[in-house]
Amino acid sequence: MSWLDAVLGIKSTHPEVLRKGASPPGLTYINHGRSRVVFKIDYGKYGSGNGAVLKYARTQYDKGLNKQEAKLWDKVKNTALKSYFCPVLDNDPNGEWLVMDYANPNPQGTEEAISEISTALEEHGIYPEDVHRDNIGLYNGQYVLIDYPWISGL
């Protein structure tokens, strides 16, 4: 049984397929950034409701990004700041993958959201280094960061 079966409840596939951005059954390719491949989870443990996304690391460096994002979520999830971050639902402790709630990427009005999120975080001594349109999503009617491993001050 693969980690996809055990953790996500979807059919197994070879990790190399994910690294190349191919969509195995149960996952739909969304996009890839500089480092990770992102898939929408279509069914299984995280496939109901709004769904979730799987961020799959392609390299050792990418595993560090997944671990950092999970660590940041753990630090803010019980604070007022959590409203600016899309929740992390699950992650591999080695950074191979991370599951995050689904937020609509690139919504209208992100210019104001970028300023609002950056200002709110900076007021708490948190300095986001990579807040731009591609890293903002709309989650439960709120603009949130959907890609946030490069934040310092937490």
Protein backbone atom coordinates (compact mmCIF):
# COMPACT_ATOMS: atom_id res chain seq x y z
CA MET A 1 0.00 0.00 0.00
CA SER A 2 1.43 3.39 -0.99
CA TRP A 3 1.20 6.60 1.04
CA LEU A 4 -1.46 7.75 -1.43
CA ASP A 5 -3.61 4.79 -0.44
CA ALA A 6 -2.91 5.00 3.27
CA VAL A 7 -3.10 8.75 3.84
CA LEU A 8 -5.21 10.15 1.04
CA GLY A 9 -7.38 7.14 0.31
CA ILE A 10 -6.79 7.24 -3.44
CA LYS A 11 -5.31 4.74 -5.85
CA SER A 12 -1.58 4.34 -5.74
CA THR A 13 0.77 5.63 -8.37
CA HIS A 14 4.49 5.85 -8.84
CA PRO A 15 6.02 9.05 -7.36
CA GLU A 16 7.78 9.84 -10.66
CA VAL A 17 4.36 10.28 -12.30
CA LEU A 18 3.52 12.98 -9.73
CA ARG A 19 6.88 14.75 -10.12
CA LYS A 20 6.18 15.17 -13.83
CA GLY A 21 2.74 16.65 -13.15
CA ALA A 22 0.73 13.76 -14.61
CA SER A 23 -2.65 13.24 -12.96
CA PRO A 24 -3.18 9.76 -11.59
CA PRO A 25 -6.71 8.61 -10.75
CA GLY A 26 -8.10 10.69 -7.91
CA LEU A 27 -5.93 13.74 -8.60
CA THR A 28 -6.33 16.58 -11.10
CA TYR A 29 -3.26 18.61 -12.03
CA ILE A 30 -3.70 22.28 -11.11
CA ASN A 31 -0.31 23.88 -11.52
CA HIS A 32 3.30 23.78 -10.51
CA GLY A 33 5.41 26.45 -9.00
CA ARG A 34 9.15 26.77 -9.00
CA SER A 35 9.38 23.68 -6.90
CA ARG A 36 6.21 21.73 -6.15
CA VAL A 37 3.47 20.16 -8.25
CA VAL A 38 -0.09 20.90 -7.07
CA PHE A 39 -3.06 18.60 -7.61
CA LYS A 40 -6.72 18.90 -6.64
CA ILE A 41 -7.81 15.82 -4.71
CA ASP A 42 -10.95 14.55 -6.41
CA TYR A 43 -12.09 11.84 -4.02
CA GLY A 44 -11.07 9.85 -1.00
CA LYS A 45 -10.29 11.16 2.45
CA TYR A 46 -9.95 14.82 1.35
CA GLY A 47 -12.10 14.83 -1.78
CA SER A 48 -15.41 15.97 -0.28
CA GLY A 49 -16.78 19.45 0.37
CA ASN A 50 -14.56 22.14 -1.12
CA GLY A 51 -11.88 19.50 -1.39
CA ALA A 52 -8.19 19.87 -0.86
CA VAL A 53 -4.95 20.10 -2.76
CA LEU A 54 -1.87 17.93 -2.67
CA LYS A 55 1.47 19.73 -2.88
CA TYR A 56 3.99 17.16 -4.01
CA ALA A 57 7.72 17.79 -3.64
CA ARG A 58 9.86 17.16 -6.71
CA THR A 59 13.26 17.58 -5.05
CA GLN A 60 14.89 17.52 -1.63
CA TYR A 61 14.65 21.33 -1.54
CA ASP A 62 10.90 21.10 -2.18
CA LYS A 63 10.53 18.75 0.78
CA GLY A 64 11.93 21.54 2.94
CA LEU A 65 9.25 23.91 1.60
CA ASN A 66 6.49 21.46 2.52
CA LYS A 67 7.93 21.02 6.00
CA GLN A 68 8.25 24.80 6.45
CA GLU A 69 4.67 25.43 5.32
CA ALA A 70 3.36 22.80 7.77
CA LYS A 71 5.48 24.30 10.56
CA LEU A 72 4.14 27.80 9.87
CA TRP A 73 0.55 26.56 9.89
CA ASP A 74 1.16 24.85 13.25
CA LYS A 75 2.38 28.18 14.65
CA VAL A 76 -0.62 30.25 13.47
CA LYS A 77 -3.52 27.79 13.58
CA ASN A 78 -4.54 28.72 17.13
CA THR A 79 -4.05 32.47 16.73
CA ALA A 80 -5.96 35.35 15.16
CA LEU A 81 -3.48 35.21 12.27
CA LYS A 82 -4.91 31.91 11.04
CA SER A 83 -7.51 33.83 9.03
CA TYR A 84 -4.73 34.89 6.63
CA PHE A 85 -3.50 31.34 5.91
CA CYS A 86 -5.15 28.45 4.08
CA PRO A 87 -5.20 25.51 6.53
CA VAL A 88 -2.81 22.59 6.22
CA LEU A 89 -4.77 19.39 6.79
CA ASP A 90 -2.02 16.79 6.72
CA ASN A 91 1.62 16.41 5.79
CA ASP A 92 4.41 13.92 5.51
CA PRO A 93 6.98 14.53 8.28
CA ASN A 94 9.72 14.06 5.66
CA GLY A 95 8.18 16.73 3.41
CA GLU A 96 7.29 14.45 0.48
CA TRP A 97 3.73 15.85 0.38
CA LEU A 98 1.41 18.32 2.05
CA VAL A 99 -2.40 18.46 1.93
CA MET A 100 -4.05 21.87 2.20
CA ASP A 101 -7.71 22.88 2.09
CA TYR A 102 -8.73 24.04 -1.37
CA ALA A 103 -8.96 27.80 -1.96
CA ASN A 104 -9.93 29.34 -5.30
CA PRO A 105 -6.64 30.53 -6.75
CA ASN A 106 -6.19 33.97 -8.34
CA PRO A 107 -9.54 35.48 -7.33
CA GLN A 108 -10.65 38.96 -8.34
CA GLY A 109 -9.55 41.72 -5.98
CA THR A 110 -6.22 40.24 -5.00
CA GLU A 111 -4.42 43.60 -5.22
CA GLU A 112 -6.25 44.85 -2.12
CA ALA A 113 -5.85 41.46 -0.45
CA ILE A 114 -2.07 41.53 -0.95
CA SER A 115 -1.84 44.86 0.84
CA GLU A 116 -4.25 43.82 3.61
CA ILE A 117 -2.52 40.50 4.32
CA SER A 118 0.99 41.98 4.19
CA THR A 119 0.05 44.84 6.52
CA ALA A 120 -1.71 42.56 9.03
CA LEU A 121 1.22 40.16 9.19
CA GLU A 122 3.82 42.94 9.44
CA GLU A 123 1.89 44.42 12.40
CA HIS A 124 2.63 41.11 14.16
CA GLY A 125 6.33 41.12 13.21
CA ILE A 126 5.84 38.62 10.39
CA TYR A 127 7.42 39.52 7.08
CA PRO A 128 6.02 37.73 4.03
CA GLU A 129 8.57 37.65 1.24
CA ASP A 130 6.47 36.24 -1.56
CA VAL A 131 2.95 37.67 -1.41
CA HIS A 132 1.60 38.09 -4.93
CA ARG A 133 -1.48 37.20 -6.96
CA ASP A 134 -0.46 33.58 -7.55
CA ASN A 135 -0.07 32.97 -3.80
CA ILE A 136 -3.52 34.30 -2.80
CA GLY A 137 -6.73 32.29 -2.81
CA LEU A 138 -10.32 32.78 -1.74
CA TYR A 139 -11.21 30.44 1.14
CA ASN A 140 -14.65 30.59 2.80
CA GLY A 141 -15.08 34.15 1.52
CA GLN A 142 -11.72 35.32 2.87
CA TYR A 143 -8.50 36.07 0.98
CA VAL A 144 -5.74 33.82 2.29
CA LEU A 145 -2.18 32.84 1.51
CA ILE A 146 -2.11 29.51 -0.29
CA ASP A 147 1.67 29.31 -0.69
CA TYR A 148 3.59 30.50 2.34
CA PRO A 149 6.87 28.70 3.06
CA TRP A 150 8.85 31.96 2.71
CA ILE A 151 7.62 33.86 5.73
CA SER A 152 9.95 34.98 8.47
CA GLY A 153 9.27 36.30 11.95
CA LEU A 154 7.28 33.37 13.34
